[in-house]
PDB file of N, CA and C in Angstrom:
ATOM      1  N   MET A   1     -41.278  27.179   6.331  1.00  0.00           N
ATOM      2  CA  MET A   1     -40.306  26.964   7.363  1.00  0.00           C
ATOM      3  C   MET A   1     -40.074  25.462   7.586  1.00  0.00           C
ATOM      4  N   ARG A   2     -41.147  24.678   7.494  1.00  0.00           N
ATOM      5  CA  ARG A   2     -41.033  23.237   7.677  1.00  0.00           C
ATOM      6  C   ARG A   2     -40.159  22.638   6.582  1.00  0.00           C
ATOM      7  N   PHE A   3     -40.272  23.140   5.373  1.00  0.00           N
ATOM      8  CA  PHE A   3     -39.457  22.654   4.256  1.00  0.00           C
ATOM      9  C   PHE A   3     -37.970  22.866   4.544  1.00  0.00           C
ATOM     10  N   LEU A   4     -37.626  23.992   5.106  1.00  0.00           N
ATOM     11  CA  LEU A   4     -36.233  24.298   5.432  1.00  0.00           C
ATOM     12  C   LEU A   4     -35.691  23.342   6.500  1.00  0.00           C
ATOM     13  N   LYS A   5     -36.509  22.976   7.490  1.00  0.00           N
ATOM     14  CA  LYS A   5     -36.082  22.022   8.511  1.00  0.00           C
ATOM     15  C   LYS A   5     -35.839  20.638   7.892  1.00  0.00           C
ATOM     16  N   VAL A   6     -36.753  20.191   7.033  1.00  0.00           N
ATOM     17  CA  VAL A   6     -36.611  18.888   6.378  1.00  0.00           C
ATOM     18  C   VAL A   6     -35.367  18.877   5.495  1.00  0.00           C
ATOM     19  N   LEU A   7     -35.136  19.942   4.777  1.00  0.00           N
ATOM     20  CA  LEU A   7     -33.965  20.055   3.913  1.00  0.00           C
ATOM     21  C   LEU A   7     -32.676  20.021   4.729  1.00  0.00           C
ATOM     22  N   THR A   8     -32.640  20.700   5.853  1.00  0.00           N
ATOM     23  CA  THR A   8     -31.461  20.721   6.717  1.00  0.00           C
ATOM     24  C   THR A   8     -31.173  19.340   7.299  1.00  0.00           C
ATOM     25  N   VAL A   9     -32.193  18.655   7.773  1.00  0.00           N
ATOM     26  CA  VAL A   9     -32.010  17.306   8.314  1.00  0.00           C
ATOM     27  C   VAL A   9     -31.557  16.353   7.209  1.00  0.00           C
ATOM     28  N   GLY A  10     -32.132  16.451   6.047  1.00  0.00           N
ATOM     29  CA  GLY A  10     -31.737  15.604   4.915  1.00  0.00           C
ATOM     30  C   GLY A  10     -30.279  15.806   4.533  1.00  0.00           C
ATOM     31  N   MET A  11     -29.843  17.042   4.474  1.00  0.00           N
ATOM     32  CA  MET A  11     -28.440  17.323   4.151  1.00  0.00           C
ATOM     33  C   MET A  11     -27.506  16.810   5.253  1.00  0.00           C
ATOM     34  N   GLY A  12     -27.931  16.911   6.492  1.00  0.00           N
ATOM     35  CA  GLY A  12     -27.124  16.380   7.589  1.00  0.00           C
ATOM     36  C   GLY A  12     -26.951  14.870   7.480  1.00  0.00           C
ATOM     37  N   VAL A  13     -28.041  14.189   7.131  1.00  0.00           N
ATOM     38  CA  VAL A  13     -27.969  12.735   6.944  1.00  0.00           C
ATOM     39  C   VAL A  13     -27.043  12.408   5.776  1.00  0.00           C
ATOM     40  N   LEU A  14     -27.131  13.131   4.687  1.00  0.00           N
ATOM     41  CA  LEU A  14     -26.249  12.903   3.536  1.00  0.00           C
ATOM     42  C   LEU A  14     -24.784  13.120   3.905  1.00  0.00           C
ATOM     43  N   ILE A  15     -24.505  14.125   4.708  1.00  0.00           N
ATOM     44  CA  ILE A  15     -23.122  14.377   5.133  1.00  0.00           C
ATOM     45  C   ILE A  15     -22.616  13.209   5.979  1.00  0.00           C
ATOM     46  N   LEU A  16     -23.444  12.696   6.892  1.00  0.00           N
ATOM     47  CA  LEU A  16     -23.037  11.559   7.722  1.00  0.00           C
ATOM     48  C   LEU A  16     -22.795  10.303   6.884  1.00  0.00           C
ATOM     49  N   VAL A  17     -23.669  10.031   5.931  1.00  0.00           N
ATOM     50  CA  VAL A  17     -23.513   8.855   5.072  1.00  0.00           C
ATOM     51  C   VAL A  17     -22.250   8.981   4.224  1.00  0.00           C
ATOM     52  N   ALA A  18     -22.022  10.141   3.637  1.00  0.00           N
ATOM     53  CA  ALA A  18     -20.838  10.352   2.803  1.00  0.00           C
ATOM     54  C   ALA A  18     -19.554  10.243   3.619  1.00  0.00           C
ATOM     55  N   THR A  19     -19.539  10.774   4.824  1.00  0.00           N
ATOM     56  CA  THR A  19     -18.354  10.686   5.684  1.00  0.00           C
ATOM     57  C   THR A  19     -18.077   9.241   6.070  1.00  0.00           C
ATOM     58  N   THR A  20     -19.107   8.493   6.413  1.00  0.00           N
ATOM     59  CA  THR A  20     -18.944   7.082   6.755  1.00  0.00           C
ATOM     60  C   THR A  20     -18.407   6.292   5.569  1.00  0.00           C
ATOM     61  N   LEU A  21     -18.947   6.521   4.397  1.00  0.00           N
ATOM     62  CA  LEU A  21     -18.487   5.849   3.191  1.00  0.00           C
ATOM     63  C   LEU A  21     -17.025   6.173   2.907  1.00  0.00           C
ATOM     64  N   LEU A  22     -16.642   7.414   3.063  1.00  0.00           N
ATOM     65  CA  LEU A  22     -15.257   7.829   2.836  1.00  0.00           C
ATOM     66  C   LEU A  22     -14.307   7.147   3.820  1.00  0.00           C
ATOM     67  N   VAL A  23     -14.682   7.075   5.080  1.00  0.00           N
ATOM     68  CA  VAL A  23     -13.842   6.419   6.091  1.00  0.00           C
ATOM     69  C   VAL A  23     -13.692   4.928   5.783  1.00  0.00           C
ATOM     70  N   VAL A  24     -14.771   4.278   5.384  1.00  0.00           N
ATOM     71  CA  VAL A  24     -14.716   2.852   5.053  1.00  0.00           C
ATOM     72  C   VAL A  24     -13.809   2.612   3.851  1.00  0.00           C
ATOM     73  N   LEU A  25     -13.917   3.416   2.820  1.00  0.00           N
ATOM     74  CA  LEU A  25     -13.074   3.248   1.629  1.00  0.00           C
ATOM     75  C   LEU A  25     -11.602   3.479   1.946  1.00  0.00           C
ATOM     76  N   ILE A  26     -11.296   4.470   2.730  1.00  0.00           N
ATOM     77  CA  ILE A  26      -9.897   4.733   3.119  1.00  0.00           C
ATOM     78  C   ILE A  26      -9.367   3.578   3.964  1.00  0.00           C
ATOM     79  N   ALA A  27     -10.162   3.056   4.879  1.00  0.00           N
ATOM     80  CA  ALA A  27      -9.727   1.937   5.721  1.00  0.00           C
ATOM     81  C   ALA A  27      -9.456   0.692   4.892  1.00  0.00           C
ATOM     82  N   ARG A  28     -10.245   0.442   3.861  1.00  0.00           N
ATOM     83  CA  ARG A  28     -10.012  -0.720   2.999  1.00  0.00           C
ATOM     84  C   ARG A  28      -8.712  -0.592   2.231  1.00  0.00           C
ATOM     85  N   ARG A  29      -8.416   0.581   1.724  1.00  0.00           N
ATOM     86  CA  ARG A  29      -7.194   0.771   0.939  1.00  0.00           C
ATOM     87  C   ARG A  29      -5.950   0.722   1.802  1.00  0.00           C
ATOM     88  N   VAL A  30      -6.029   1.243   3.004  1.00  0.00           N
ATOM     89  CA  VAL A  30      -4.879   1.257   3.903  1.00  0.00           C
ATOM     90  C   VAL A  30      -4.720  -0.092   4.594  1.00  0.00           C
ATOM     91  N   GLY A  31      -5.798  -0.839   4.720  1.00  0.00           N
ATOM     92  CA  GLY A  31      -5.817  -2.082   5.479  1.00  0.00           C
ATOM     93  C   GLY A  31      -4.903  -3.170   4.976  1.00  0.00           C
ATOM     94  N   GLY A  32      -4.488  -3.181   3.759  1.00  0.00           N
ATOM     95  CA  GLY A  32      -3.624  -4.236   3.250  1.00  0.00           C
ATOM     96  C   GLY A  32      -3.966  -4.571   1.817  1.00  0.00           C
ATOM     97  N   PRO A  33      -3.369  -5.664   1.330  1.00  0.00           N
ATOM     98  CA  PRO A  33      -3.602  -6.044  -0.048  1.00  0.00           C
ATOM     99  C   PRO A  33      -5.035  -6.504  -0.265  1.00  0.00           C
ATOM    100  N   GLY A  34      -5.489  -6.330  -1.469  1.00  0.00           N
ATOM    101  CA  GLY A  34      -6.839  -6.727  -1.815  1.00  0.00           C
ATOM    102  C   GLY A  34      -6.949  -8.224  -2.022  1.00  0.00           C
ATOM    103  N   PRO A  35      -8.110  -8.696  -2.456  1.00  0.00           N
ATOM    104  CA  PRO A  35      -8.323 -10.129  -2.598  1.00  0.00           C
ATOM    105  C   PRO A  35      -7.480 -10.769  -3.698  1.00  0.00           C
ATOM    106  N   GLY A  36      -7.005 -10.002  -4.658  1.00  0.00           N
ATOM    107  CA  GLY A  36      -6.196 -10.568  -5.733  1.00  0.00           C
ATOM    108  C   GLY A  36      -4.728 -10.714  -5.390  1.00  0.00           C
ATOM    109  N   ALA A  37      -4.273 -10.094  -4.331  1.00  0.00           N
ATOM    110  CA  ALA A  37      -2.856 -10.125  -3.969  1.00  0.00           C
ATOM    111  C   ALA A  37      -2.622 -11.192  -2.906  1.00  0.00           C
ATOM    112  N   LEU A  38      -1.904 -12.234  -3.281  1.00  0.00           N
ATOM    113  CA  LEU A  38      -1.619 -13.308  -2.346  1.00  0.00           C
ATOM    114  C   LEU A  38      -0.122 -13.348  -2.078  1.00  0.00           C
ATOM    115  N   PRO A  39       0.287 -13.123  -0.845  1.00  0.00           N
ATOM    116  CA  PRO A  39       1.713 -13.199  -0.536  1.00  0.00           C
ATOM    117  C   PRO A  39       2.174 -14.655  -0.533  1.00  0.00           C
ATOM    118  N   PHE A  40       3.383 -14.895  -1.014  1.00  0.00           N
ATOM    119  CA  PHE A  40       3.927 -16.239  -0.980  1.00  0.00           C
ATOM    120  C   PHE A  40       5.441 -16.169  -0.873  1.00  0.00           C
ATOM    121  N   ALA A  41       6.025 -17.237  -0.368  1.00  0.00           N
ATOM    122  CA  ALA A  41       7.473 -17.350  -0.260  1.00  0.00           C
ATOM    123  C   ALA A  41       7.895 -18.597  -1.026  1.00  0.00           C
ATOM    124  N   VAL A  42       8.967 -18.478  -1.796  1.00  0.00           N
ATOM    125  CA  VAL A  42       9.426 -19.586  -2.621  1.00  0.00           C
ATOM    126  C   VAL A  42      10.915 -19.751  -2.440  1.00  0.00           C
ATOM    127  N   LEU A  43      11.340 -20.983  -2.334  1.00  0.00           N
ATOM    128  CA  LEU A  43      12.759 -21.312  -2.314  1.00  0.00           C
ATOM    129  C   LEU A  43      13.038 -22.109  -3.575  1.00  0.00           C
ATOM    130  N   LEU A  44      13.755 -21.491  -4.510  1.00  0.00           N
ATOM    131  CA  LEU A  44      14.053 -22.148  -5.781  1.00  0.00           C
ATOM    132  C   LEU A  44      15.216 -23.107  -5.605  1.00  0.00           C
ATOM    133  N   ASP A  45      15.133 -24.260  -6.240  1.00  0.00           N
ATOM    134  CA  ASP A  45      16.200 -25.257  -6.193  1.00  0.00           C
ATOM    135  C   ASP A  45      17.186 -24.947  -7.318  1.00  0.00           C
ATOM    136  N   GLU A  46      18.085 -24.016  -7.060  1.00  0.00           N
ATOM    137  CA  GLU A  46      19.066 -23.581  -8.042  1.00  0.00           C
ATOM    138  C   GLU A  46      20.463 -23.736  -7.449  1.00  0.00           C
ATOM    139  N   PRO A  47      21.475 -23.871  -8.311  1.00  0.00           N
ATOM    140  CA  PRO A  47      22.842 -24.032  -7.801  1.00  0.00           C
ATOM    141  C   PRO A  47      23.344 -22.782  -7.065  1.00  0.00           C
ATOM    142  N   ALA A  48      24.340 -22.997  -6.194  1.00  0.00           N
ATOM    143  CA  ALA A  48      24.953 -21.890  -5.470  1.00  0.00           C
ATOM    144  C   ALA A  48      25.545 -20.902  -6.474  1.00  0.00           C
ATOM    145  N   GLY A  49      25.448 -19.624  -6.174  1.00  0.00           N
ATOM    146  CA  GLY A  49      25.959 -18.588  -7.062  1.00  0.00           C
ATOM    147  C   GLY A  49      24.905 -18.031  -8.001  1.00  0.00           C
ATOM    148  N   THR A  50      23.707 -18.598  -7.966  1.00  0.00           N
ATOM    149  CA  THR A  50      22.613 -18.097  -8.805  1.00  0.00           C
ATOM    150  C   THR A  50      22.044 -16.845  -8.164  1.00  0.00           C
ATOM    151  N   ARG A  51      21.725 -15.855  -8.999  1.00  0.00           N
ATOM    152  CA  ARG A  51      21.093 -14.641  -8.489  1.00  0.00           C
ATOM    153  C   ARG A  51      19.903 -14.285  -9.358  1.00  0.00           C
ATOM    154  N   ILE A  52      18.958 -13.581  -8.773  1.00  0.00           N
ATOM    155  CA  ILE A  52      17.781 -13.127  -9.519  1.00  0.00           C
ATOM    156  C   ILE A  52      18.157 -11.841 -10.236  1.00  0.00           C
ATOM    157  N   ALA A  53      18.100 -11.869 -11.556  1.00  0.00           N
ATOM    158  CA  ALA A  53      18.457 -10.702 -12.359  1.00  0.00           C
ATOM    159  C   ALA A  53      17.239  -9.853 -12.706  1.00  0.00           C
ATOM    160  N   GLY A  54      16.054 -10.432 -12.611  1.00  0.00           N
ATOM    161  CA  GLY A  54      14.853  -9.662 -12.922  1.00  0.00           C
ATOM    162  C   GLY A  54      13.601 -10.490 -12.707  1.00  0.00           C
ATOM    163  N   VAL A  55      12.489  -9.797 -12.504  1.00  0.00           N
ATOM    164  CA  VAL A  55      11.184 -10.438 -12.335  1.00  0.00           C
ATOM    165  C   VAL A  55      10.170  -9.610 -13.102  1.00  0.00           C
ATOM    166  N   THR A  56       9.292 -10.275 -13.837  1.00  0.00           N
ATOM    167  CA  THR A  56       8.244  -9.569 -14.560  1.00  0.00           C
ATOM    168  C   THR A  56       7.009 -10.455 -14.648  1.00  0.00           C
ATOM    169  N   GLY A  57       5.879  -9.835 -14.907  1.00  0.00           N
ATOM    170  CA  GLY A  57       4.642 -10.578 -15.105  1.00  0.00           C
ATOM    171  C   GLY A  57       4.581 -11.108 -16.520  1.00  0.00           C
ATOM    172  N   ALA A  58       4.081 -12.329 -16.670  1.00  0.00           N
ATOM    173  CA  ALA A  58       3.908 -12.950 -17.984  1.00  0.00           C
ATOM    174  C   ALA A  58       2.527 -13.586 -18.004  1.00  0.00           C
ATOM    175  N   GLY A  59       1.530 -12.802 -18.336  1.00  0.00           N
ATOM    176  CA  GLY A  59       0.158 -13.283 -18.268  1.00  0.00           C
ATOM    177  C   GLY A  59      -0.242 -13.470 -16.818  1.00  0.00           C
ATOM    178  N   ASP A  60      -0.669 -14.687 -16.478  1.00  0.00           N
ATOM    179  CA  ASP A  60      -1.022 -14.968 -15.084  1.00  0.00           C
ATOM    180  C   ASP A  60       0.129 -15.648 -14.353  1.00  0.00           C
ATOM    181  N   ARG A  61       1.335 -15.548 -14.886  1.00  0.00           N
ATOM    182  CA  ARG A  61       2.529 -16.138 -14.301  1.00  0.00           C
ATOM    183  C   ARG A  61       3.555 -15.057 -13.977  1.00  0.00           C
ATOM    184  N   LEU A  62       4.568 -15.424 -13.202  1.00  0.00           N
ATOM    185  CA  LEU A  62       5.720 -14.569 -12.964  1.00  0.00           C
ATOM    186  C   LEU A  62       6.912 -15.188 -13.676  1.00  0.00           C
ATOM    187  N   ALA A  63       7.643 -14.391 -14.415  1.00  0.00           N
ATOM    188  CA  ALA A  63       8.862 -14.851 -15.068  1.00  0.00           C
ATOM    189  C   ALA A  63      10.037 -14.314 -14.265  1.00  0.00           C
ATOM    190  N   VAL A  64      10.856 -15.234 -13.730  1.00  0.00           N
ATOM    191  CA  VAL A  64      12.004 -14.869 -12.909  1.00  0.00           C
ATOM    192  C   VAL A  64      13.260 -15.176 -13.709  1.00  0.00           C
ATOM    193  N   TRP A  65      14.035 -14.154 -14.029  1.00  0.00           N
ATOM    194  CA  TRP A  65      15.270 -14.296 -14.795  1.00  0.00           C
ATOM    195  C   TRP A  65      16.391 -14.583 -13.815  1.00  0.00           C
ATOM    196  N   LEU A  66      17.038 -15.734 -13.973  1.00  0.00           N
ATOM    197  CA  LEU A  66      18.127 -16.149 -13.101  1.00  0.00           C
ATOM    198  C   LEU A  66      19.430 -16.117 -13.882  1.00  0.00           C
ATOM    199  N   SER A  67      20.489 -15.653 -13.247  1.00  0.00           N
ATOM    200  CA  SER A  67      21.802 -15.643 -13.900  1.00  0.00           C
ATOM    201  C   SER A  67      22.848 -16.142 -12.920  1.00  0.00           C
ATOM    202  N   GLY A  68      23.983 -16.514 -13.445  1.00  0.00           N
ATOM    203  CA  GLY A  68      25.061 -17.058 -12.627  1.00  0.00           C
ATOM    204  C   GLY A  68      24.926 -18.551 -12.473  1.00  0.00           C
ATOM    205  N   ALA A  69      26.019 -19.195 -12.066  1.00  0.00           N
ATOM    206  CA  ALA A  69      26.046 -20.655 -11.870  1.00  0.00           C
ATOM    207  C   ALA A  69      25.579 -21.376 -13.127  1.00  0.00           C
ATOM    208  N   GLY A  70      26.140 -21.023 -14.252  1.00  0.00           N
ATOM    209  CA  GLY A  70      25.738 -21.617 -15.530  1.00  0.00           C
ATOM    210  C   GLY A  70      25.183 -20.535 -16.434  1.00  0.00           C
ATOM    211  N   SER A  71      24.391 -20.965 -17.388  1.00  0.00           N
ATOM    212  CA  SER A  71      23.831 -19.982 -18.320  1.00  0.00           C
ATOM    213  C   SER A  71      22.611 -19.291 -17.712  1.00  0.00           C
ATOM    214  N   ASP A  72      22.254 -18.155 -18.274  1.00  0.00           N
ATOM    215  CA  ASP A  72      21.045 -17.455 -17.826  1.00  0.00           C
ATOM    216  C   ASP A  72      19.831 -18.301 -18.187  1.00  0.00           C
ATOM    217  N   ARG A  73      18.802 -18.206 -17.358  1.00  0.00           N
ATOM    218  CA  ARG A  73      17.590 -18.965 -17.586  1.00  0.00           C
ATOM    219  C   ARG A  73      16.401 -18.221 -16.994  1.00  0.00           C
ATOM    220  N   VAL A  74      15.220 -18.627 -17.390  1.00  0.00           N
ATOM    221  CA  VAL A  74      13.981 -18.024 -16.903  1.00  0.00           C
ATOM    222  C   VAL A  74      13.136 -19.129 -16.269  1.00  0.00           C
ATOM    223  N   VAL A  75      12.636 -18.864 -15.063  1.00  0.00           N
ATOM    224  CA  VAL A  75      11.749 -19.791 -14.369  1.00  0.00           C
ATOM    225  C   VAL A  75      10.371 -19.156 -14.337  1.00  0.00           C
ATOM    226  N   LEU A  76       9.362 -19.910 -14.782  1.00  0.00           N
ATOM    227  CA  LEU A  76       7.983 -19.424 -14.752  1.00  0.00           C
ATOM    228  C   LEU A  76       7.304 -19.955 -13.499  1.00  0.00           C
ATOM    229  N   MET A  77       6.672 -19.040 -12.756  1.00  0.00           N
ATOM    230  CA  MET A  77       6.049 -19.405 -11.484  1.00  0.00           C
ATOM    231  C   MET A  77       4.580 -19.008 -11.471  1.00  0.00           C
ATOM    232  N   ASP A  78       3.785 -19.794 -10.764  1.00  0.00           N
ATOM    233  CA  ASP A  78       2.381 -19.482 -10.547  1.00  0.00           C
ATOM    234  C   ASP A  78       2.266 -18.716  -9.227  1.00  0.00           C
ATOM    235  N   PRO A  79       1.869 -17.435  -9.246  1.00  0.00           N
ATOM    236  CA  PRO A  79       1.822 -16.654  -8.012  1.00  0.00           C
ATOM    237  C   PRO A  79       0.746 -17.121  -7.028  1.00  0.00           C
ATOM    238  N   ARG A  80      -0.261 -17.851  -7.497  1.00  0.00           N
ATOM    239  CA  ARG A  80      -1.299 -18.339  -6.582  1.00  0.00           C
ATOM    240  C   ARG A  80      -0.793 -19.492  -5.719  1.00  0.00           C
ATOM    241  N   SER A  81      -0.008 -20.385  -6.319  1.00  0.00           N
ATOM    242  CA  SER A  81       0.480 -21.537  -5.568  1.00  0.00           C
ATOM    243  C   SER A  81       1.928 -21.368  -5.121  1.00  0.00           C
ATOM    244  N   GLY A  82       2.685 -20.493  -5.784  1.00  0.00           N
ATOM    245  CA  GLY A  82       4.100 -20.319  -5.474  1.00  0.00           C
ATOM    246  C   GLY A  82       4.969 -21.396  -6.093  1.00  0.00           C
ATOM    247  N   GLY A  83       4.380 -22.239  -6.925  1.00  0.00           N
ATOM    248  CA  GLY A  83       5.117 -23.341  -7.542  1.00  0.00           C
ATOM    249  C   GLY A  83       5.726 -22.964  -8.885  1.00  0.00           C
ATOM    250  N   VAL A  84       6.777 -23.687  -9.239  1.00  0.00           N
ATOM    251  CA  VAL A  84       7.427 -23.515 -10.541  1.00  0.00           C
ATOM    252  C   VAL A  84       6.610 -24.289 -11.564  1.00  0.00           C
ATOM    253  N   VAL A  85       6.193 -23.622 -12.652  1.00  0.00           N
ATOM    254  CA  VAL A  85       5.380 -24.271 -13.677  1.00  0.00           C
ATOM    255  C   VAL A  85       6.141 -24.450 -14.985  1.00  0.00           C
ATOM    256  N   GLY A  86       7.332 -23.879 -15.090  1.00  0.00           N
ATOM    257  CA  GLY A  86       8.114 -24.063 -16.304  1.00  0.00           C
ATOM    258  C   GLY A  86       9.480 -23.425 -16.198  1.00  0.00           C
ATOM    259  N   ARG A  87      10.369 -23.891 -17.065  1.00  0.00           N
ATOM    260  CA  ARG A  87      11.726 -23.351 -17.136  1.00  0.00           C
ATOM    261  C   ARG A  87      12.062 -23.106 -18.595  1.00  0.00           C
ATOM    262  N   ILE A  88      12.785 -22.018 -18.836  1.00  0.00           N
ATOM    263  CA  ILE A  88      13.250 -21.700 -20.192  1.00  0.00           C
ATOM    264  C   ILE A  88      14.747 -21.537 -20.120  1.00  0.00           C
ATOM    265  N   GLY A  89      15.474 -22.283 -20.926  1.00  0.00           N
ATOM    266  CA  GLY A  89      16.925 -22.215 -20.949  1.00  0.00           C
ATOM    267  C   GLY A  89      17.454 -22.800 -22.232  1.00  0.00           C
ATOM    268  N   LEU A  90      18.772 -22.810 -22.378  1.00  0.00           N
ATOM    269  CA  LEU A  90      19.407 -23.389 -23.550  1.00  0.00           C
ATOM    270  C   LEU A  90      19.793 -24.830 -23.242  1.00  0.00           C
ATOM    271  N   ARG A  91      19.571 -25.720 -24.194  1.00  0.00           N
ATOM    272  CA  ARG A  91      19.868 -27.140 -24.002  1.00  0.00           C
ATOM    273  C   ARG A  91      21.375 -27.347 -23.814  1.00  0.00           C
ATOM    274  N   GLY A  92      21.712 -28.120 -22.802  1.00  0.00           N
ATOM    275  CA  GLY A  92      23.097 -28.493 -22.573  1.00  0.00           C
ATOM    276  C   GLY A  92      23.969 -27.399 -21.983  1.00  0.00           C
ATOM    277  N   SER A  93      23.359 -26.351 -21.456  1.00  0.00           N
ATOM    278  CA  SER A  93      24.175 -25.261 -20.905  1.00  0.00           C
ATOM    279  C   SER A  93      23.733 -24.849 -19.524  1.00  0.00           C
ATOM    280  N   GLY A  94      23.311 -25.771 -18.723  1.00  0.00           N
ATOM    281  CA  GLY A  94      22.918 -25.434 -17.364  1.00  0.00           C
ATOM    282  C   GLY A  94      21.800 -26.302 -16.863  1.00  0.00           C
ATOM    283  N   PRO A  95      21.240 -25.981 -15.717  1.00  0.00           N
ATOM    284  CA  PRO A  95      20.184 -26.806 -15.106  1.00  0.00           C
ATOM    285  C   PRO A  95      18.894 -26.771 -15.867  1.00  0.00           C
TER     286      PRO A  95
END
């Protein structure tokens, strides 16, 4: 009979630990972005009429495809700093 009491208390403790762990994990996921996601705002110095045609990841950079106000071009950005680290375009056909 004593074994049954110990087993029941042990299972109750396991249920409490598992429920607490589940609540903590759900709260972390719902709480917001993780440590790798850094929000940033950038104002690109581009001519009027330029629009963002697409954005994609390029390794540890973001490649932003810009069109309008001249020829199409790609601006490479560092998502950690929000700074422009490179530009890809055609020579003599735009900024």
